[in-house]
Amino acid sequence: MFDIQARAKENIEKADKLAKAKNELNELKITLEKENKQQYVAEKIKLINDKALNESMLRNKRQELDERQLKIEQDSKRKNELYKKWDEISNTKLEFDPDSFVCPTCKREYETEKIEEIKKQFENIKAQEVELVSEARKKENDIQVVSGATISSKSIVNAVNAAVNLFNKMEG
């Protein structure tokens, strides 16, 4: 009987060791699964954050590209406008009848020196406008200055031409 009892006791001890080993194995399994799940979640979060960061950077780069393309278009239009203004100013002529260049106020014919002075003033104004347009092509912020100068200079030229034409009609 002792033999059966000793064997039973051994079997119980082996069963206890086996149960204990199974528990340790399950605990180890749970611990490893927990660690792996934490690592997986941490990696997944990192990848999601990296993806969001990369998408944000991509959006920013696309926006920068769009802004730069728009700026190129605007600058190209501005350049063409300045070229047109430059051509317009360069082709502006002081028109008058050389035989009857008279003062629009007192209707007296200008002296030769005065005619030359008016021509020089016109050419100086024209040269200043050309210079302004040339500089504006180099500087972005000077466009409004050029427009204002062009308008005022054109006004002077138009006023002189109108006065000369009016006088010629009155005499003619």
N, C-alpha and C. Protein backbone atom coordinates (compact mmCIF):
# COMPACT_ATOMS: atom_id res chain seq x y z
N MET A 1 0.79 -1.17 0.00
CA MET A 1 0.00 0.00 0.00
C MET A 1 0.85 1.26 0.00
N PHE A 2 1.95 1.02 0.66
CA PHE A 2 2.83 2.17 0.67
C PHE A 2 3.28 2.53 -0.74
N ASP A 3 3.41 1.56 -1.50
CA ASP A 3 3.85 1.77 -2.86
C ASP A 3 2.81 2.54 -3.67
N ILE A 4 1.57 2.24 -3.48
CA ILE A 4 0.49 2.92 -4.19
C ILE A 4 0.37 4.34 -3.65
N GLN A 5 0.46 4.44 -2.36
CA GLN A 5 0.34 5.77 -1.75
C GLN A 5 1.55 6.63 -2.16
N ALA A 6 2.71 6.06 -2.23
CA ALA A 6 3.90 6.81 -2.62
C ALA A 6 3.78 7.24 -4.08
N ARG A 7 3.26 6.33 -4.90
CA ARG A 7 3.07 6.67 -6.30
C ARG A 7 1.99 7.74 -6.46
N ALA A 8 0.96 7.66 -5.71
CA ALA A 8 -0.12 8.64 -5.77
C ALA A 8 0.41 10.00 -5.34
N LYS A 9 1.21 9.95 -4.28
CA LYS A 9 1.79 11.19 -3.78
C LYS A 9 2.72 11.78 -4.85
N GLU A 10 3.48 10.95 -5.50
CA GLU A 10 4.38 11.41 -6.57
C GLU A 10 3.58 11.97 -7.72
N ASN A 11 2.51 11.28 -8.05
CA ASN A 11 1.66 11.76 -9.15
C ASN A 11 1.03 13.11 -8.80
N ILE A 12 0.63 13.25 -7.53
CA ILE A 12 0.04 14.52 -7.10
C ILE A 12 1.11 15.61 -7.17
N GLU A 13 2.33 15.31 -6.73
CA GLU A 13 3.41 16.29 -6.78
C GLU A 13 3.74 16.66 -8.23
N LYS A 14 3.76 15.64 -9.09
CA LYS A 14 4.02 15.90 -10.50
C LYS A 14 2.89 16.73 -11.11
N ALA A 15 1.65 16.42 -10.70
CA ALA A 15 0.50 17.17 -11.20
C ALA A 15 0.58 18.61 -10.71
N ASP A 16 0.98 18.78 -9.43
CA ASP A 16 1.14 20.14 -8.90
C ASP A 16 2.23 20.89 -9.67
N LYS A 17 3.38 20.22 -9.92
CA LYS A 17 4.47 20.84 -10.67
C LYS A 17 4.01 21.19 -12.08
N LEU A 18 3.26 20.27 -12.66
CA LEU A 18 2.76 20.49 -14.02
C LEU A 18 1.79 21.67 -14.03
N ALA A 19 0.89 21.72 -13.05
CA ALA A 19 -0.07 22.83 -12.95
C ALA A 19 0.67 24.13 -12.72
N LYS A 20 1.70 24.06 -11.84
CA LYS A 20 2.49 25.25 -11.56
C LYS A 20 3.22 25.70 -12.84
N ALA A 21 3.78 24.78 -13.58
CA ALA A 21 4.48 25.09 -14.82
C ALA A 21 3.51 25.67 -15.85
N LYS A 22 2.29 25.06 -15.90
CA LYS A 22 1.27 25.58 -16.83
C LYS A 22 0.89 27.01 -16.45
N ASN A 23 0.74 27.27 -15.15
CA ASN A 23 0.42 28.63 -14.69
C ASN A 23 1.54 29.61 -15.06
N GLU A 24 2.79 29.16 -14.81
CA GLU A 24 3.92 30.02 -15.16
C GLU A 24 3.95 30.29 -16.66
N LEU A 25 3.68 29.24 -17.42
CA LEU A 25 3.65 29.36 -18.88
C LEU A 25 2.55 30.33 -19.32
N ASN A 26 1.37 30.19 -18.74
CA ASN A 26 0.26 31.10 -19.06
C ASN A 26 0.59 32.54 -18.66
N GLU A 27 1.20 32.70 -17.48
CA GLU A 27 1.58 34.04 -17.03
C GLU A 27 2.62 34.64 -17.98
N LEU A 28 3.58 33.80 -18.37
CA LEU A 28 4.60 34.25 -19.32
C LEU A 28 3.96 34.62 -20.66
N LYS A 29 3.04 33.78 -21.09
CA LYS A 29 2.32 34.03 -22.34
C LYS A 29 1.56 35.36 -22.26
N ILE A 30 0.86 35.57 -21.17
CA ILE A 30 0.09 36.81 -20.98
C ILE A 30 1.03 38.00 -20.94
N THR A 31 2.15 37.88 -20.22
CA THR A 31 3.12 38.96 -20.12
C THR A 31 3.69 39.29 -21.51
N LEU A 32 4.07 38.26 -22.25
CA LEU A 32 4.63 38.48 -23.60
C LEU A 32 3.58 39.09 -24.53
N GLU A 33 2.36 38.61 -24.46
CA GLU A 33 1.29 39.16 -25.29
C GLU A 33 1.06 40.63 -24.94
N LYS A 34 1.09 40.94 -23.64
CA LYS A 34 0.90 42.31 -23.18
C LYS A 34 2.02 43.21 -23.71
N GLU A 35 3.27 42.73 -23.55
CA GLU A 35 4.42 43.50 -24.02
C GLU A 35 4.35 43.69 -25.54
N ASN A 36 4.05 42.60 -26.25
CA ASN A 36 3.97 42.69 -27.71
C ASN A 36 2.84 43.62 -28.14
N LYS A 37 1.72 43.54 -27.42
CA LYS A 37 0.60 44.41 -27.76
C LYS A 37 0.98 45.87 -27.50
N GLN A 38 1.67 46.14 -26.40
CA GLN A 38 2.11 47.50 -26.10
C GLN A 38 3.08 48.00 -27.18
N GLN A 39 4.02 47.12 -27.56
CA GLN A 39 4.96 47.50 -28.61
C GLN A 39 4.23 47.74 -29.93
N TYR A 40 3.27 46.86 -30.22
CA TYR A 40 2.49 46.99 -31.45
C TYR A 40 1.72 48.30 -31.45
N VAL A 41 1.05 48.60 -30.34
CA VAL A 41 0.27 49.83 -30.23
C VAL A 41 1.20 51.04 -30.34
N ALA A 42 2.35 50.98 -29.65
CA ALA A 42 3.30 52.09 -29.70
C ALA A 42 3.81 52.29 -31.14
N GLU A 43 4.14 51.20 -31.82
CA GLU A 43 4.61 51.28 -33.22
C GLU A 43 3.51 51.81 -34.11
N LYS A 44 2.30 51.33 -33.89
CA LYS A 44 1.17 51.76 -34.71
C LYS A 44 0.93 53.26 -34.52
N ILE A 45 0.97 53.73 -33.27
CA ILE A 45 0.79 55.16 -32.99
C ILE A 45 1.90 55.96 -33.65
N LYS A 46 3.14 55.46 -33.55
CA LYS A 46 4.27 56.16 -34.17
C LYS A 46 4.09 56.23 -35.68
N LEU A 47 3.67 55.12 -36.29
CA LEU A 47 3.46 55.11 -37.73
C LEU A 47 2.31 56.04 -38.14
N ILE A 48 1.25 56.06 -37.34
CA ILE A 48 0.12 56.96 -37.63
C ILE A 48 0.57 58.41 -37.52
N ASN A 49 1.37 58.72 -36.48
CA ASN A 49 1.89 60.08 -36.32
C ASN A 49 2.83 60.46 -37.47
N ASP A 50 3.70 59.51 -37.85
CA ASP A 50 4.60 59.75 -38.97
C ASP A 50 3.80 59.99 -40.25
N LYS A 51 2.78 59.19 -40.45
CA LYS A 51 1.94 59.35 -41.64
C LYS A 51 1.27 60.71 -41.63
N ALA A 52 0.72 61.11 -40.50
CA ALA A 52 0.05 62.42 -40.39
C ALA A 52 1.06 63.54 -40.64
N LEU A 53 2.26 63.41 -40.08
CA LEU A 53 3.30 64.42 -40.28
C LEU A 53 3.68 64.50 -41.76
N ASN A 54 3.88 63.35 -42.38
CA ASN A 54 4.24 63.33 -43.80
C ASN A 54 3.13 63.90 -44.67
N GLU A 55 1.88 63.58 -44.35
CA GLU A 55 0.75 64.13 -45.11
C GLU A 55 0.68 65.65 -44.93
N SER A 56 0.93 66.11 -43.71
CA SER A 56 0.94 67.55 -43.44
C SER A 56 2.05 68.23 -44.23
N MET A 57 3.23 67.65 -44.21
CA MET A 57 4.35 68.20 -44.96
C MET A 57 4.03 68.22 -46.46
N LEU A 58 3.41 67.16 -46.94
CA LEU A 58 3.04 67.09 -48.35
C LEU A 58 2.04 68.19 -48.70
N ARG A 59 1.03 68.38 -47.84
CA ARG A 59 0.05 69.46 -48.06
C ARG A 59 0.75 70.82 -48.07
N ASN A 60 1.66 71.03 -47.12
CA ASN A 60 2.40 72.30 -47.07
C ASN A 60 3.23 72.52 -48.33
N LYS A 61 3.89 71.47 -48.79
CA LYS A 61 4.71 71.59 -50.00
C LYS A 61 3.83 71.86 -51.22
N ARG A 62 2.67 71.21 -51.28
CA ARG A 62 1.74 71.46 -52.39
C ARG A 62 1.24 72.90 -52.34
N GLN A 63 0.94 73.37 -51.14
CA GLN A 63 0.47 74.75 -50.98
C GLN A 63 1.58 75.72 -51.38
N GLU A 64 2.80 75.44 -50.96
CA GLU A 64 3.94 76.28 -51.35
C GLU A 64 4.09 76.30 -52.86
N LEU A 65 3.94 75.13 -53.48
CA LEU A 65 4.05 75.03 -54.93
C LEU A 65 2.96 75.86 -55.59
N ASP A 66 1.72 75.74 -55.11
CA ASP A 66 0.62 76.53 -55.66
C ASP A 66 0.88 78.02 -55.50
N GLU A 67 1.35 78.41 -54.31
CA GLU A 67 1.64 79.83 -54.06
C GLU A 67 2.76 80.33 -54.98
N ARG A 68 3.77 79.51 -55.17
CA ARG A 68 4.88 79.91 -56.03
C ARG A 68 4.43 80.01 -57.49
N GLN A 69 3.58 79.06 -57.91
CA GLN A 69 3.07 79.12 -59.28
C GLN A 69 2.21 80.36 -59.48
N LEU A 70 1.39 80.69 -58.48
CA LEU A 70 0.57 81.89 -58.55
C LEU A 70 1.46 83.13 -58.60
N LYS A 71 2.50 83.15 -57.78
CA LYS A 71 3.43 84.29 -57.76
C LYS A 71 4.13 84.42 -59.11
N ILE A 72 4.50 83.29 -59.71
CA ILE A 72 5.14 83.33 -61.03
C ILE A 72 4.17 83.91 -62.05
N GLU A 73 2.91 83.48 -62.01
CA GLU A 73 1.91 84.01 -62.94
C GLU A 73 1.73 85.52 -62.73
N GLN A 74 1.61 85.93 -61.46
CA GLN A 74 1.42 87.35 -61.17
C GLN A 74 2.64 88.16 -61.62
N ASP A 75 3.83 87.65 -61.33
CA ASP A 75 5.05 88.35 -61.72
C ASP A 75 5.17 88.43 -63.24
N SER A 76 4.76 87.36 -63.91
CA SER A 76 4.80 87.35 -65.37
C SER A 76 3.84 88.39 -65.94
N LYS A 77 2.63 88.46 -65.37
CA LYS A 77 1.67 89.47 -65.82
C LYS A 77 2.22 90.87 -65.55
N ARG A 78 2.77 91.06 -64.35
CA ARG A 78 3.32 92.36 -63.97
C ARG A 78 4.47 92.74 -64.91
N LYS A 79 5.31 91.77 -65.26
CA LYS A 79 6.42 92.02 -66.17
C LYS A 79 5.89 92.46 -67.54
N ASN A 80 4.86 91.76 -68.03
CA ASN A 80 4.28 92.12 -69.32
C ASN A 80 3.66 93.52 -69.28
N GLU A 81 2.99 93.84 -68.17
CA GLU A 81 2.41 95.18 -68.02
C GLU A 81 3.50 96.24 -68.04
N LEU A 82 4.60 95.96 -67.34
CA LEU A 82 5.70 96.93 -67.30
C LEU A 82 6.34 97.09 -68.68
N TYR A 83 6.47 95.98 -69.41
CA TYR A 83 7.00 96.09 -70.78
C TYR A 83 6.08 96.95 -71.64
N LYS A 84 4.77 96.75 -71.49
CA LYS A 84 3.81 97.55 -72.26
C LYS A 84 3.93 99.02 -71.88
N LYS A 85 4.02 99.31 -70.57
CA LYS A 85 4.17 100.70 -70.13
C LYS A 85 5.46 101.29 -70.66
N TRP A 86 6.52 100.50 -70.62
CA TRP A 86 7.81 100.98 -71.10
C TRP A 86 7.71 101.32 -72.59
N ASP A 87 7.10 100.43 -73.37
CA ASP A 87 6.92 100.68 -74.80
C ASP A 87 6.06 101.91 -75.02
N GLU A 88 4.97 102.01 -74.26
CA GLU A 88 4.06 103.14 -74.39
C GLU A 88 4.78 104.45 -74.09
N ILE A 89 5.54 104.47 -73.02
CA ILE A 89 6.27 105.69 -72.65
C ILE A 89 7.34 106.01 -73.69
N SER A 90 8.04 104.98 -74.13
CA SER A 90 9.11 105.19 -75.11
C SER A 90 8.56 105.73 -76.43
N ASN A 91 7.34 105.34 -76.77
CA ASN A 91 6.75 105.76 -78.04
C ASN A 91 5.95 107.05 -77.93
N THR A 92 5.87 107.64 -76.73
CA THR A 92 5.14 108.90 -76.56
C THR A 92 5.93 110.03 -77.21
N LYS A 93 5.24 110.84 -77.98
CA LYS A 93 5.88 111.96 -78.68
C LYS A 93 5.17 113.25 -78.31
N LEU A 94 5.91 114.31 -78.28
CA LEU A 94 5.35 115.64 -78.07
C LEU A 94 4.92 116.14 -79.45
N GLU A 95 3.61 116.25 -79.61
CA GLU A 95 3.09 116.63 -80.93
C GLU A 95 2.68 118.10 -80.91
N PHE A 96 3.17 118.83 -81.89
CA PHE A 96 2.78 120.22 -82.05
C PHE A 96 3.17 120.66 -83.45
N ASP A 97 2.52 121.70 -83.87
CA ASP A 97 2.86 122.29 -85.17
C ASP A 97 4.06 123.20 -84.95
N PRO A 98 5.21 122.88 -85.53
CA PRO A 98 6.41 123.66 -85.28
C PRO A 98 6.29 125.13 -85.72
N ASP A 99 5.35 125.40 -86.63
CA ASP A 99 5.19 126.77 -87.11
C ASP A 99 4.33 127.61 -86.17
N SER A 100 3.52 126.94 -85.30
CA SER A 100 2.64 127.72 -84.43
C SER A 100 2.62 127.13 -83.02
N PHE A 101 3.70 127.22 -82.32
CA PHE A 101 3.81 126.73 -80.95
C PHE A 101 3.55 127.93 -80.05
N VAL A 102 2.32 127.97 -79.47
CA VAL A 102 1.91 129.16 -78.72
C VAL A 102 1.52 128.81 -77.30
N CYS A 103 1.56 129.83 -76.45
CA CYS A 103 1.15 129.68 -75.05
C CYS A 103 -0.37 129.53 -75.01
N PRO A 104 -0.87 128.50 -74.32
CA PRO A 104 -2.32 128.30 -74.30
C PRO A 104 -3.04 129.39 -73.50
N THR A 105 -2.35 130.09 -72.63
CA THR A 105 -2.99 131.11 -71.81
C THR A 105 -3.06 132.46 -72.53
N CYS A 106 -1.91 132.95 -72.96
CA CYS A 106 -1.89 134.30 -73.53
C CYS A 106 -1.91 134.28 -75.06
N LYS A 107 -1.83 133.14 -75.65
CA LYS A 107 -1.90 132.94 -77.11
C LYS A 107 -0.72 133.56 -77.86
N ARG A 108 0.36 133.83 -77.15
CA ARG A 108 1.55 134.35 -77.83
C ARG A 108 2.40 133.17 -78.27
N GLU A 109 3.08 133.37 -79.38
CA GLU A 109 3.95 132.31 -79.86
C GLU A 109 5.18 132.24 -78.94
N TYR A 110 5.56 131.01 -78.61
CA TYR A 110 6.72 130.83 -77.75
C TYR A 110 7.99 131.20 -78.49
N GLU A 111 8.94 131.66 -77.71
CA GLU A 111 10.25 131.94 -78.27
C GLU A 111 10.95 130.61 -78.50
N THR A 112 11.94 130.62 -79.34
CA THR A 112 12.66 129.41 -79.68
C THR A 112 13.27 128.75 -78.45
N GLU A 113 13.80 129.58 -77.53
CA GLU A 113 14.40 129.02 -76.32
C GLU A 113 13.34 128.31 -75.47
N LYS A 114 12.15 128.93 -75.40
CA LYS A 114 11.06 128.35 -74.60
C LYS A 114 10.60 127.03 -75.22
N ILE A 115 10.53 126.98 -76.55
CA ILE A 115 10.15 125.74 -77.25
C ILE A 115 11.15 124.65 -76.92
N GLU A 116 12.41 125.00 -76.99
CA GLU A 116 13.46 124.03 -76.68
C GLU A 116 13.38 123.59 -75.22
N GLU A 117 13.07 124.52 -74.33
CA GLU A 117 12.94 124.20 -72.90
C GLU A 117 11.78 123.23 -72.67
N ILE A 118 10.65 123.49 -73.35
CA ILE A 118 9.48 122.60 -73.22
C ILE A 118 9.82 121.21 -73.76
N LYS A 119 10.52 121.16 -74.87
CA LYS A 119 10.92 119.86 -75.44
C LYS A 119 11.85 119.12 -74.47
N LYS A 120 12.80 119.85 -73.87
CA LYS A 120 13.73 119.24 -72.92
C LYS A 120 12.98 118.72 -71.70
N GLN A 121 12.01 119.54 -71.22
CA GLN A 121 11.21 119.10 -70.08
C GLN A 121 10.46 117.82 -70.42
N PHE A 122 9.87 117.80 -71.60
CA PHE A 122 9.15 116.61 -72.03
C PHE A 122 10.08 115.40 -72.08
N GLU A 123 11.23 115.56 -72.69
CA GLU A 123 12.18 114.45 -72.79
C GLU A 123 12.68 114.02 -71.42
N ASN A 124 12.90 114.99 -70.50
CA ASN A 124 13.32 114.65 -69.13
C ASN A 124 12.24 113.85 -68.41
N ILE A 125 10.99 114.31 -68.55
CA ILE A 125 9.88 113.59 -67.91
C ILE A 125 9.78 112.18 -68.50
N LYS A 126 9.90 112.10 -69.80
CA LYS A 126 9.84 110.79 -70.47
C LYS A 126 10.98 109.89 -69.99
N ALA A 127 12.18 110.44 -69.88
CA ALA A 127 13.34 109.66 -69.42
C ALA A 127 13.13 109.19 -67.97
N GLN A 128 12.56 110.08 -67.15
CA GLN A 128 12.27 109.70 -65.76
C GLN A 128 11.26 108.55 -65.71
N GLU A 129 10.24 108.63 -66.53
CA GLU A 129 9.24 107.57 -66.57
C GLU A 129 9.85 106.24 -67.01
N VAL A 130 10.68 106.31 -68.05
CA VAL A 130 11.34 105.09 -68.53
C VAL A 130 12.21 104.51 -67.42
N GLU A 131 12.91 105.37 -66.70
CA GLU A 131 13.75 104.91 -65.59
C GLU A 131 12.91 104.28 -64.49
N LEU A 132 11.77 104.93 -64.17
CA LEU A 132 10.87 104.38 -63.15
C LEU A 132 10.37 102.99 -63.55
N VAL A 133 9.97 102.86 -64.79
CA VAL A 133 9.46 101.56 -65.25
C VAL A 133 10.58 100.54 -65.22
N SER A 134 11.76 100.94 -65.63
CA SER A 134 12.90 100.01 -65.62
C SER A 134 13.22 99.55 -64.21
N GLU A 135 13.19 100.49 -63.27
CA GLU A 135 13.45 100.13 -61.87
C GLU A 135 12.32 99.26 -61.32
N ALA A 136 11.10 99.55 -61.72
CA ALA A 136 9.96 98.79 -61.22
C ALA A 136 10.02 97.35 -61.68
N ARG A 137 10.60 97.12 -62.84
CA ARG A 137 10.75 95.74 -63.29
C ARG A 137 11.68 94.99 -62.35
N LYS A 138 12.57 95.75 -61.71
CA LYS A 138 13.49 95.12 -60.77
C LYS A 138 12.90 95.03 -59.38
N LYS A 139 12.03 95.96 -59.06
CA LYS A 139 11.46 96.00 -57.70
C LYS A 139 9.96 95.77 -57.79
N GLU A 140 9.47 94.88 -56.96
CA GLU A 140 8.06 94.54 -56.97
C GLU A 140 7.17 95.66 -56.48
N ASN A 141 7.58 96.39 -55.48
CA ASN A 141 6.70 97.33 -54.81
C ASN A 141 6.58 98.67 -55.53
N ASP A 142 7.28 98.88 -56.63
CA ASP A 142 7.27 100.18 -57.27
C ASP A 142 6.18 100.31 -58.33
N ILE A 143 5.34 99.32 -58.48
CA ILE A 143 4.35 99.35 -59.55
C ILE A 143 3.40 100.53 -59.39
N GLN A 144 2.94 100.80 -58.19
CA GLN A 144 2.01 101.90 -57.98
C GLN A 144 2.68 103.24 -58.25
N VAL A 145 3.95 103.37 -57.91
CA VAL A 145 4.68 104.60 -58.17
C VAL A 145 4.74 104.85 -59.67
N VAL A 146 5.02 103.80 -60.44
CA VAL A 146 5.11 103.92 -61.88
C VAL A 146 3.77 104.34 -62.46
N SER A 147 2.68 103.72 -62.00
CA SER A 147 1.36 104.08 -62.53
C SER A 147 1.06 105.53 -62.25
N GLY A 148 1.32 105.99 -61.02
CA GLY A 148 1.05 107.37 -60.67
C GLY A 148 1.88 108.34 -61.50
N ALA A 149 3.16 108.02 -61.67
CA ALA A 149 4.03 108.89 -62.45
C ALA A 149 3.58 108.92 -63.91
N THR A 150 3.18 107.78 -64.42
CA THR A 150 2.74 107.70 -65.81
C THR A 150 1.47 108.53 -66.00
N ILE A 151 0.56 108.40 -65.07
CA ILE A 151 -0.70 109.14 -65.18
C ILE A 151 -0.44 110.64 -65.15
N SER A 152 0.40 111.10 -64.19
CA SER A 152 0.66 112.54 -64.09
C SER A 152 1.43 113.03 -65.31
N SER A 153 2.39 112.27 -65.81
CA SER A 153 3.15 112.68 -66.98
C SER A 153 2.27 112.70 -68.22
N LYS A 154 1.42 111.72 -68.35
CA LYS A 154 0.50 111.69 -69.49
C LYS A 154 -0.44 112.90 -69.43
N SER A 155 -0.82 113.24 -68.22
CA SER A 155 -1.70 114.41 -68.07
C SER A 155 -1.01 115.66 -68.57
N ILE A 156 0.26 115.83 -68.24
CA ILE A 156 1.02 116.99 -68.70
C ILE A 156 1.12 117.00 -70.22
N VAL A 157 1.50 115.86 -70.79
CA VAL A 157 1.63 115.75 -72.25
C VAL A 157 0.29 116.01 -72.92
N ASN A 158 -0.77 115.41 -72.40
CA ASN A 158 -2.09 115.60 -72.99
C ASN A 158 -2.54 117.06 -72.89
N ALA A 159 -2.25 117.69 -71.76
CA ALA A 159 -2.63 119.09 -71.59
C ALA A 159 -1.90 119.98 -72.59
N VAL A 160 -0.60 119.77 -72.77
CA VAL A 160 0.18 120.56 -73.72
C VAL A 160 -0.34 120.32 -75.13
N ASN A 161 -0.55 119.05 -75.50
CA ASN A 161 -1.04 118.73 -76.83
C ASN A 161 -2.43 119.31 -77.06
N ALA A 162 -3.29 119.24 -76.05
CA ALA A 162 -4.65 119.79 -76.19
C ALA A 162 -4.60 121.30 -76.37
N ALA A 163 -3.74 121.97 -75.61
CA ALA A 163 -3.62 123.42 -75.73
C ALA A 163 -3.12 123.80 -77.12
N VAL A 164 -2.12 123.08 -77.62
CA VAL A 164 -1.59 123.37 -78.95
C VAL A 164 -2.67 123.13 -80.01
N ASN A 165 -3.38 121.99 -79.90
CA ASN A 165 -4.44 121.69 -80.87
C ASN A 165 -5.56 122.71 -80.82
N LEU A 166 -5.95 123.12 -79.61
CA LEU A 166 -6.99 124.12 -79.46
C LEU A 166 -6.58 125.44 -80.11
N PHE A 167 -5.36 125.83 -79.86
CA PHE A 167 -4.87 127.08 -80.46
C PHE A 167 -4.86 126.96 -81.96
N ASN A 168 -4.40 125.83 -82.50
CA ASN A 168 -4.37 125.64 -83.95
C ASN A 168 -5.77 125.70 -84.53
N LYS A 169 -6.75 125.17 -83.86
CA LYS A 169 -8.13 125.22 -84.35
C LYS A 169 -8.66 126.66 -84.31
N MET A 170 -8.31 127.37 -83.27
CA MET A 170 -8.79 128.76 -83.13
C MET A 170 -8.17 129.64 -84.22
N GLU A 171 -6.93 129.36 -84.58
CA GLU A 171 -6.27 130.16 -85.61
C GLU A 171 -6.73 129.75 -87.00
N GLY A 172 -6.96 128.44 -87.13
CA GLY A 172 -7.23 127.87 -88.42
C GLY A 172 -8.57 128.16 -88.92
